[in-house]
């Protein structure tokens, strides 16, 4: 498999890993009883959000260079994580 043709970026790799790990975990969570099975719905919702991010990333890779897009995605991810931790109690 030639990865240069697929042009992986920072978010594309993270979203693929999240989807691959999220689907089996979501199926497991749905098999639980009671209110615990609601966690599976949240995991599948997160997997859908990751799939949307992956689709947007694949569109952006046709418009922007791969290295520049990876740097932009990494900086935005760090910015969002720092904002998240800044407003935690």
PDB file of N, CA and C in Angstrom:
ATOM      1  N   UNK A   1       0.846  -1.181   0.000  1.00  0.00           N
ATOM      2  CA  UNK A   1       0.000   0.000   0.000  1.00  0.00           C
ATOM      3  C   UNK A   1       0.888   1.239   0.000  1.00  0.00           C
ATOM      4  N   UNK A   2       0.681   2.110  -0.941  1.00  0.00           N
ATOM      5  CA  UNK A   2       1.477   3.313  -1.074  1.00  0.00           C
ATOM      6  C   UNK A   2       0.752   4.471  -0.387  1.00  0.00           C
ATOM      7  N   UNK A   3       1.315   4.936   0.741  1.00  0.00           N
ATOM      8  CA  UNK A   3       0.665   5.994   1.509  1.00  0.00           C
ATOM      9  C   UNK A   3       0.824   7.366   0.876  1.00  0.00           C
ATOM     10  N   UNK A   4       1.761   7.538  -0.047  1.00  0.00           N
ATOM     11  CA  UNK A   4       1.918   8.841  -0.683  1.00  0.00           C
ATOM     12  C   UNK A   4       0.726   9.177  -1.560  1.00  0.00           C
ATOM     13  N   UNK A   5       0.062   8.171  -2.101  1.00  0.00           N
ATOM     14  CA  UNK A   5      -1.137   8.432  -2.898  1.00  0.00           C
ATOM     15  C   UNK A   5      -2.315   8.830  -2.024  1.00  0.00           C
ATOM     16  N   UNK A   6      -2.342   8.365  -0.779  1.00  0.00           N
ATOM     17  CA  UNK A   6      -3.444   8.672   0.129  1.00  0.00           C
ATOM     18  C   UNK A   6      -3.227   9.970   0.887  1.00  0.00           C
ATOM     19  N   UNK A   7      -2.004  10.445   0.952  1.00  0.00           N
ATOM     20  CA  UNK A   7      -1.639  11.696   1.597  1.00  0.00           C
ATOM     21  C   UNK A   7      -2.211  11.811   3.022  1.00  0.00           C
ATOM     22  N   UNK A   8      -1.706  11.001   3.963  1.00  0.00           N
ATOM     23  CA  UNK A   8      -2.231  11.087   5.326  1.00  0.00           C
ATOM     24  C   UNK A   8      -1.824  12.384   6.005  1.00  0.00           C
ATOM     25  N   UNK A   9      -2.730  12.931   6.772  1.00  0.00           N
ATOM     26  CA  UNK A   9      -2.476  14.128   7.564  1.00  0.00           C
ATOM     27  C   UNK A   9      -2.689  13.790   9.038  1.00  0.00           C
ATOM     28  N   UNK A  10      -2.442  14.772   9.885  1.00  0.00           N
ATOM     29  CA  UNK A  10      -2.552  14.568  11.331  1.00  0.00           C
ATOM     30  C   UNK A  10      -3.967  14.143  11.726  1.00  0.00           C
ATOM     31  N   UNK A  11      -4.966  14.896  11.289  1.00  0.00           N
ATOM     32  CA  UNK A  11      -6.343  14.578  11.665  1.00  0.00           C
ATOM     33  C   UNK A  11      -6.882  13.352  10.957  1.00  0.00           C
ATOM     34  N   UNK A  12      -6.400  13.064   9.757  1.00  0.00           N
ATOM     35  CA  UNK A  12      -6.895  11.872   9.083  1.00  0.00           C
ATOM     36  C   UNK A  12      -6.441  10.611   9.817  1.00  0.00           C
ATOM     37  N   UNK A  13      -5.217  10.609  10.308  1.00  0.00           N
ATOM     38  CA  UNK A  13      -4.726   9.454  11.062  1.00  0.00           C
ATOM     39  C   UNK A  13      -5.461   9.335  12.394  1.00  0.00           C
ATOM     40  N   UNK A  14      -5.629  10.457  13.103  1.00  0.00           N
ATOM     41  CA  UNK A  14      -6.334  10.417  14.378  1.00  0.00           C
ATOM     42  C   UNK A  14      -7.792   9.987  14.215  1.00  0.00           C
ATOM     43  N   UNK A  15      -8.458  10.483  13.179  1.00  0.00           N
ATOM     44  CA  UNK A  15      -9.859  10.128  12.993  1.00  0.00           C
ATOM     45  C   UNK A  15     -10.012   8.669  12.566  1.00  0.00           C
ATOM     46  N   UNK A  16      -9.099   8.165  11.743  1.00  0.00           N
ATOM     47  CA  UNK A  16      -9.169   6.753  11.359  1.00  0.00           C
ATOM     48  C   UNK A  16      -8.972   5.846  12.572  1.00  0.00           C
ATOM     49  N   UNK A  17      -8.009   6.180  13.416  1.00  0.00           N
ATOM     50  CA  UNK A  17      -7.777   5.384  14.619  1.00  0.00           C
ATOM     51  C   UNK A  17      -8.990   5.462  15.546  1.00  0.00           C
ATOM     52  N   UNK A  18      -9.563   6.649  15.683  1.00  0.00           N
ATOM     53  CA  UNK A  18     -10.746   6.812  16.526  1.00  0.00           C
ATOM     54  C   UNK A  18     -11.945   6.033  16.019  1.00  0.00           C
ATOM     55  N   UNK A  19     -12.137   6.006  14.722  1.00  0.00           N
ATOM     56  CA  UNK A  19     -13.250   5.247  14.152  1.00  0.00           C
ATOM     57  C   UNK A  19     -13.012   3.749  14.323  1.00  0.00           C
ATOM     58  N   UNK A  20     -11.781   3.306  14.041  1.00  0.00           N
ATOM     59  CA  UNK A  20     -11.464   1.882  14.152  1.00  0.00           C
ATOM     60  C   UNK A  20     -11.610   1.391  15.596  1.00  0.00           C
ATOM     61  N   UNK A  21     -11.205   2.185  16.564  1.00  0.00           N
ATOM     62  CA  UNK A  21     -11.350   1.796  17.965  1.00  0.00           C
ATOM     63  C   UNK A  21     -12.760   2.049  18.494  1.00  0.00           C
ATOM     64  N   UNK A  22     -13.452   3.033  17.954  1.00  0.00           N
ATOM     65  CA  UNK A  22     -14.761   3.408  18.465  1.00  0.00           C
ATOM     66  C   UNK A  22     -15.877   2.454  18.097  1.00  0.00           C
ATOM     67  N   UNK A  23     -15.816   1.876  16.920  1.00  0.00           N
ATOM     68  CA  UNK A  23     -16.903   0.989  16.493  1.00  0.00           C
ATOM     69  C   UNK A  23     -16.989  -0.272  17.358  1.00  0.00           C
ATOM     70  N   UNK A  24     -15.889  -1.013  17.590  1.00  0.00           N
ATOM     71  CA  UNK A  24     -16.018  -2.184  18.476  1.00  0.00           C
ATOM     72  C   UNK A  24     -16.382  -1.808  19.915  1.00  0.00           C
ATOM     73  N   UNK A  25     -15.825  -0.697  20.401  1.00  0.00           N
ATOM     74  CA  UNK A  25     -16.154  -0.267  21.761  1.00  0.00           C
ATOM     75  C   UNK A  25     -17.617   0.158  21.854  1.00  0.00           C
ATOM     76  N   UNK A  26     -18.135   0.805  20.820  1.00  0.00           N
ATOM     77  CA  UNK A  26     -19.540   1.191  20.803  1.00  0.00           C
ATOM     78  C   UNK A  26     -20.461  -0.009  20.772  1.00  0.00           C
ATOM     79  N   UNK A  27     -20.082  -1.030  20.017  1.00  0.00           N
ATOM     80  CA  UNK A  27     -20.885  -2.256  19.975  1.00  0.00           C
ATOM     81  C   UNK A  27     -20.882  -2.931  21.350  1.00  0.00           C
ATOM     82  N   UNK A  28     -19.706  -2.942  21.994  1.00  0.00           N
ATOM     83  CA  UNK A  28     -19.638  -3.510  23.345  1.00  0.00           C
ATOM     84  C   UNK A  28     -20.522  -2.719  24.306  1.00  0.00           C
ATOM     85  N   UNK A  29     -20.464  -1.419  24.246  1.00  0.00           N
ATOM     86  CA  UNK A  29     -21.258  -0.593  25.160  1.00  0.00           C
ATOM     87  C   UNK A  29     -22.760  -0.781  24.921  1.00  0.00           C
ATOM     88  N   UNK A  30     -23.156  -0.987  23.686  1.00  0.00           N
ATOM     89  CA  UNK A  30     -24.565  -1.213  23.400  1.00  0.00           C
ATOM     90  C   UNK A  30     -25.051  -2.554  23.944  1.00  0.00           C
ATOM     91  N   UNK A  31     -24.132  -3.492  24.168  1.00  0.00           N
ATOM     92  CA  UNK A  31     -24.527  -4.798  24.687  1.00  0.00           C
ATOM     93  C   UNK A  31     -24.720  -4.789  26.199  1.00  0.00           C
ATOM     94  N   UNK A  32     -24.380  -3.711  26.870  1.00  0.00           N
ATOM     95  CA  UNK A  32     -24.556  -3.627  28.316  1.00  0.00           C
ATOM     96  C   UNK A  32     -26.027  -3.439  28.651  1.00  0.00           C
ATOM     97  N   UNK A  33     -26.370  -3.647  29.894  1.00  0.00           N
ATOM     98  CA  UNK A  33     -27.767  -3.542  30.299  1.00  0.00           C
ATOM     99  C   UNK A  33     -28.041  -2.194  30.951  1.00  0.00           C
ATOM    100  N   UNK A  34     -29.278  -1.798  30.904  1.00  0.00           N
ATOM    101  CA  UNK A  34     -29.721  -0.582  31.569  1.00  0.00           C
ATOM    102  C   UNK A  34     -29.192   0.688  30.933  1.00  0.00           C
ATOM    103  N   UNK A  35     -28.945   1.655  31.777  1.00  0.00           N
ATOM    104  CA  UNK A  35     -28.481   2.955  31.298  1.00  0.00           C
ATOM    105  C   UNK A  35     -27.053   2.945  30.806  1.00  0.00           C
ATOM    106  N   UNK A  36     -26.319   1.890  31.118  1.00  0.00           N
ATOM    107  CA  UNK A  36     -24.929   1.803  30.664  1.00  0.00           C
ATOM    108  C   UNK A  36     -24.839   1.668  29.152  1.00  0.00           C
ATOM    109  N   UNK A  37     -25.895   1.151  28.531  1.00  0.00           N
ATOM    110  CA  UNK A  37     -25.861   0.993  27.074  1.00  0.00           C
ATOM    111  C   UNK A  37     -25.959   2.337  26.358  1.00  0.00           C
ATOM    112  N   UNK A  38     -26.335   3.372  27.063  1.00  0.00           N
ATOM    113  CA  UNK A  38     -26.385   4.700  26.460  1.00  0.00           C
ATOM    114  C   UNK A  38     -24.997   5.186  26.074  1.00  0.00           C
ATOM    115  N   UNK A  39     -23.967   4.684  26.720  1.00  0.00           N
ATOM    116  CA  UNK A  39     -22.599   5.038  26.367  1.00  0.00           C
ATOM    117  C   UNK A  39     -22.260   4.645  24.947  1.00  0.00           C
ATOM    118  N   UNK A  40     -22.836   3.546  24.464  1.00  0.00           N
ATOM    119  CA  UNK A  40     -22.600   3.118  23.085  1.00  0.00           C
ATOM    120  C   UNK A  40     -23.126   4.117  22.081  1.00  0.00           C
ATOM    121  N   UNK A  41     -24.241   4.751  22.414  1.00  0.00           N
ATOM    122  CA  UNK A  41     -24.803   5.774  21.527  1.00  0.00           C
ATOM    123  C   UNK A  41     -23.858   6.965  21.444  1.00  0.00           C
ATOM    124  N   UNK A  42     -23.279   7.345  22.579  1.00  0.00           N
ATOM    125  CA  UNK A  42     -22.332   8.462  22.578  1.00  0.00           C
ATOM    126  C   UNK A  42     -21.070   8.122  21.790  1.00  0.00           C
ATOM    127  N   UNK A  43     -20.614   6.876  21.923  1.00  0.00           N
ATOM    128  CA  UNK A  43     -19.417   6.461  21.193  1.00  0.00           C
ATOM    129  C   UNK A  43     -19.688   6.462  19.694  1.00  0.00           C
ATOM    130  N   UNK A  44     -20.855   5.966  19.278  1.00  0.00           N
ATOM    131  CA  UNK A  44     -21.185   5.981  17.853  1.00  0.00           C
ATOM    132  C   UNK A  44     -21.381   7.413  17.341  1.00  0.00           C
ATOM    133  N   UNK A  45     -21.913   8.294  18.175  1.00  0.00           N
ATOM    134  CA  UNK A  45     -22.017   9.699  17.790  1.00  0.00           C
ATOM    135  C   UNK A  45     -20.647  10.327  17.585  1.00  0.00           C
ATOM    136  N   UNK A  46     -19.725   9.990  18.456  1.00  0.00           N
ATOM    137  CA  UNK A  46     -18.346  10.478  18.322  1.00  0.00           C
ATOM    138  C   UNK A  46     -17.700   9.916  17.058  1.00  0.00           C
ATOM    139  N   UNK A  47     -17.975   8.650  16.731  1.00  0.00           N
ATOM    140  CA  UNK A  47     -17.431   8.042  15.516  1.00  0.00           C
ATOM    141  C   UNK A  47     -17.993   8.726  14.268  1.00  0.00           C
ATOM    142  N   UNK A  48     -19.247   9.123  14.314  1.00  0.00           N
ATOM    143  CA  UNK A  48     -19.845   9.839  13.183  1.00  0.00           C
ATOM    144  C   UNK A  48     -19.197  11.212  13.016  1.00  0.00           C
ATOM    145  N   UNK A  49     -18.942  11.899  14.132  1.00  0.00           N
ATOM    146  CA  UNK A  49     -18.255  13.194  14.073  1.00  0.00           C
ATOM    147  C   UNK A  49     -16.852  13.020  13.491  1.00  0.00           C
ATOM    148  N   UNK A  50     -16.159  11.958  13.881  1.00  0.00           N
ATOM    149  CA  UNK A  50     -14.832  11.690  13.325  1.00  0.00           C
ATOM    150  C   UNK A  50     -14.898  11.390  11.831  1.00  0.00           C
ATOM    151  N   UNK A  51     -15.947  10.710  11.390  1.00  0.00           N
ATOM    152  CA  UNK A  51     -16.101  10.435   9.962  1.00  0.00           C
ATOM    153  C   UNK A  51     -16.336  11.730   9.179  1.00  0.00           C
ATOM    154  N   UNK A  52     -17.074  12.654   9.755  1.00  0.00           N
ATOM    155  CA  UNK A  52     -17.300  13.951   9.107  1.00  0.00           C
ATOM    156  C   UNK A  52     -15.990  14.735   9.038  1.00  0.00           C
ATOM    157  N   UNK A  53     -15.203  14.705  10.126  1.00  0.00           N
ATOM    158  CA  UNK A  53     -13.902  15.382  10.127  1.00  0.00           C
ATOM    159  C   UNK A  53     -12.989  14.767   9.081  1.00  0.00           C
ATOM    160  N   UNK A  54     -13.023  13.445   8.944  1.00  0.00           N
ATOM    161  CA  UNK A  54     -12.214  12.768   7.939  1.00  0.00           C
ATOM    162  C   UNK A  54     -12.627  13.177   6.528  1.00  0.00           C
ATOM    163  N   UNK A  55     -13.924  13.304   6.287  1.00  0.00           N
ATOM    164  CA  UNK A  55     -14.396  13.721   4.962  1.00  0.00           C
ATOM    165  C   UNK A  55     -13.966  15.158   4.650  1.00  0.00           C
ATOM    166  N   UNK A  56     -14.057  16.041   5.632  1.00  0.00           N
ATOM    167  CA  UNK A  56     -13.622  17.426   5.438  1.00  0.00           C
ATOM    168  C   UNK A  56     -12.123  17.475   5.182  1.00  0.00           C
ATOM    169  N   UNK A  57     -11.374  16.662   5.907  1.00  0.00           N
ATOM    170  CA  UNK A  57      -9.923  16.604   5.719  1.00  0.00           C
ATOM    171  C   UNK A  57      -9.571  16.133   4.312  1.00  0.00           C
ATOM    172  N   UNK A  58     -10.277  15.157   3.800  1.00  0.00           N
ATOM    173  CA  UNK A  58     -10.004  14.647   2.449  1.00  0.00           C
ATOM    174  C   UNK A  58     -10.322  15.695   1.386  1.00  0.00           C
ATOM    175  N   UNK A  59     -11.317  16.539   1.638  1.00  0.00           N
ATOM    176  CA  UNK A  59     -11.622  17.625   0.696  1.00  0.00           C
ATOM    177  C   UNK A  59     -10.538  18.690   0.768  1.00  0.00           C
ATOM    178  N   UNK A  60     -10.095  19.013   1.986  1.00  0.00           N
ATOM    179  CA  UNK A  60      -9.071  20.050   2.145  1.00  0.00           C
ATOM    180  C   UNK A  60      -7.721  19.630   1.577  1.00  0.00           C
ATOM    181  N   UNK A  61      -7.431  18.329   1.562  1.00  0.00           N
ATOM    182  CA  UNK A  61      -6.141  17.876   1.050  1.00  0.00           C
ATOM    183  C   UNK A  61      -6.033  18.118  -0.450  1.00  0.00           C
ATOM    184  N   UNK A  62      -7.159  18.223  -1.133  1.00  0.00           N
ATOM    185  CA  UNK A  62      -7.102  18.532  -2.567  1.00  0.00           C
ATOM    186  C   UNK A  62      -6.826  20.011  -2.800  1.00  0.00           C
ATOM    187  N   UNK A  63      -7.101  20.843  -1.793  1.00  0.00           N
ATOM    188  CA  UNK A  63      -6.930  22.288  -1.946  1.00  0.00           C
ATOM    189  C   UNK A  63      -5.619  22.811  -1.361  1.00  0.00           C
ATOM    190  N   UNK A  64      -5.125  22.164  -0.291  1.00  0.00           N
ATOM    191  CA  UNK A  64      -3.961  22.647   0.441  1.00  0.00           C
ATOM    192  C   UNK A  64      -2.889  21.564   0.422  1.00  0.00           C
ATOM    193  N   UNK A  65      -1.630  21.976   0.463  1.00  0.00           N
ATOM    194  CA  UNK A  65      -0.513  21.043   0.502  1.00  0.00           C
ATOM    195  C   UNK A  65      -0.585  20.179   1.765  1.00  0.00           C
ATOM    196  N   UNK A  66      -0.131  18.947   1.660  1.00  0.00           N
ATOM    197  CA  UNK A  66      -0.234  17.974   2.752  1.00  0.00           C
ATOM    198  C   UNK A  66       0.508  18.421   4.001  1.00  0.00           C
ATOM    199  N   UNK A  67       1.719  18.903   3.862  1.00  0.00           N
ATOM    200  CA  UNK A  67       2.510  19.300   5.032  1.00  0.00           C
ATOM    201  C   UNK A  67       1.918  20.529   5.706  1.00  0.00           C
ATOM    202  N   UNK A  68       1.492  21.501   4.910  1.00  0.00           N
ATOM    203  CA  UNK A  68       0.887  22.708   5.482  1.00  0.00           C
ATOM    204  C   UNK A  68      -0.404  22.364   6.220  1.00  0.00           C
ATOM    205  N   UNK A  69      -1.212  21.482   5.635  1.00  0.00           N
ATOM    206  CA  UNK A  69      -2.471  21.091   6.263  1.00  0.00           C
ATOM    207  C   UNK A  69      -2.219  20.341   7.570  1.00  0.00           C
ATOM    208  N   UNK A  70      -1.220  19.490   7.607  1.00  0.00           N
ATOM    209  CA  UNK A  70      -0.898  18.764   8.835  1.00  0.00           C
ATOM    210  C   UNK A  70      -0.453  19.721   9.932  1.00  0.00           C
ATOM    211  N   UNK A  71       0.348  20.706   9.580  1.00  0.00           N
ATOM    212  CA  UNK A  71       0.805  21.688  10.570  1.00  0.00           C
ATOM    213  C   UNK A  71      -0.370  22.515  11.086  1.00  0.00           C
ATOM    214  N   UNK A  72      -1.239  22.944  10.189  1.00  0.00           N
ATOM    215  CA  UNK A  72      -2.420  23.717  10.588  1.00  0.00           C
ATOM    216  C   UNK A  72      -3.316  22.891  11.500  1.00  0.00           C
ATOM    217  N   UNK A  73      -3.549  21.619  11.146  1.00  0.00           N
ATOM    218  CA  UNK A  73      -4.394  20.750  11.965  1.00  0.00           C
ATOM    219  C   UNK A  73      -3.779  20.514  13.336  1.00  0.00           C
ATOM    220  N   UNK A  74      -2.466  20.319  13.394  1.00  0.00           N
ATOM    221  CA  UNK A  74      -1.795  20.094  14.666  1.00  0.00           C
ATOM    222  C   UNK A  74      -1.891  21.326  15.559  1.00  0.00           C
ATOM    223  N   UNK A  75      -1.684  22.507  14.993  1.00  0.00           N
ATOM    224  CA  UNK A  75      -1.769  23.747  15.771  1.00  0.00           C
ATOM    225  C   UNK A  75      -3.197  23.972  16.265  1.00  0.00           C
ATOM    226  N   UNK A  76      -4.188  23.730  15.413  1.00  0.00           N
ATOM    227  CA  UNK A  76      -5.579  23.887  15.835  1.00  0.00           C
ATOM    228  C   UNK A  76      -5.945  22.886  16.926  1.00  0.00           C
ATOM    229  N   UNK A  77      -5.437  21.666  16.834  1.00  0.00           N
ATOM    230  CA  UNK A  77      -5.698  20.670  17.867  1.00  0.00           C
ATOM    231  C   UNK A  77      -5.086  21.090  19.193  1.00  0.00           C
ATOM    232  N   UNK A  78      -3.844  21.558  19.167  1.00  0.00           N
ATOM    233  CA  UNK A  78      -3.214  22.048  20.397  1.00  0.00           C
ATOM    234  C   UNK A  78      -3.954  23.250  20.976  1.00  0.00           C
ATOM    235  N   UNK A  79      -4.419  24.129  20.114  1.00  0.00           N
ATOM    236  CA  UNK A  79      -5.174  25.295  20.565  1.00  0.00           C
ATOM    237  C   UNK A  79      -6.482  24.880  21.232  1.00  0.00           C
ATOM    238  N   UNK A  80      -7.209  23.952  20.624  1.00  0.00           N
ATOM    239  CA  UNK A  80      -8.472  23.493  21.211  1.00  0.00           C
ATOM    240  C   UNK A  80      -8.248  22.754  22.527  1.00  0.00           C
ATOM    241  N   UNK A  81      -7.186  21.962  22.619  1.00  0.00           N
ATOM    242  CA  UNK A  81      -6.889  21.264  23.867  1.00  0.00           C
ATOM    243  C   UNK A  81      -6.509  22.256  24.963  1.00  0.00           C
ATOM    244  N   UNK A  82      -5.727  23.274  24.610  1.00  0.00           N
ATOM    245  CA  UNK A  82      -5.341  24.262  25.628  1.00  0.00           C
ATOM    246  C   UNK A  82      -6.537  25.090  26.072  1.00  0.00           C
ATOM    247  N   UNK A  83      -7.433  25.431  25.175  1.00  0.00           N
ATOM    248  CA  UNK A  83      -8.652  26.159  25.566  1.00  0.00           C
ATOM    249  C   UNK A  83      -9.515  25.288  26.462  1.00  0.00           C
ATOM    250  N   UNK A  84      -9.613  24.012  26.139  1.00  0.00           N
ATOM    251  CA  UNK A  84     -10.403  23.093  26.960  1.00  0.00           C
ATOM    252  C   UNK A  84      -9.859  23.023  28.381  1.00  0.00           C
ATOM    253  N   UNK A  85      -8.549  22.863  28.522  1.00  0.00           N
ATOM    254  CA  UNK A  85      -7.963  22.768  29.854  1.00  0.00           C
ATOM    255  C   UNK A  85      -7.919  24.101  30.587  1.00  0.00           C
ATOM    256  N   UNK A  86      -7.958  25.198  29.863  1.00  0.00           N
ATOM    257  CA  UNK A  86      -7.954  26.508  30.487  1.00  0.00           C
ATOM    258  C   UNK A  86      -9.275  26.769  31.203  1.00  0.00           C
ATOM    259  N   UNK A  87     -10.384  26.288  30.651  1.00  0.00           N
ATOM    260  CA  UNK A  87     -11.700  26.557  31.234  1.00  0.00           C
ATOM    261  C   UNK A  87     -12.230  25.413  32.076  1.00  0.00           C
ATOM    262  N   UNK A  88     -11.380  24.461  32.466  1.00  0.00           N
ATOM    263  CA  UNK A  88     -11.785  23.409  33.379  1.00  0.00           C
ATOM    264  C   UNK A  88     -11.729  23.929  34.799  1.00  0.00           C
ATOM    265  N   UNK A  89     -12.644  23.465  35.624  1.00  0.00           N
ATOM    266  CA  UNK A  89     -12.644  23.868  37.048  1.00  0.00           C
ATOM    267  C   UNK A  89     -11.759  22.992  37.847  1.00  0.00           C
TER     268      UNK A  89
END
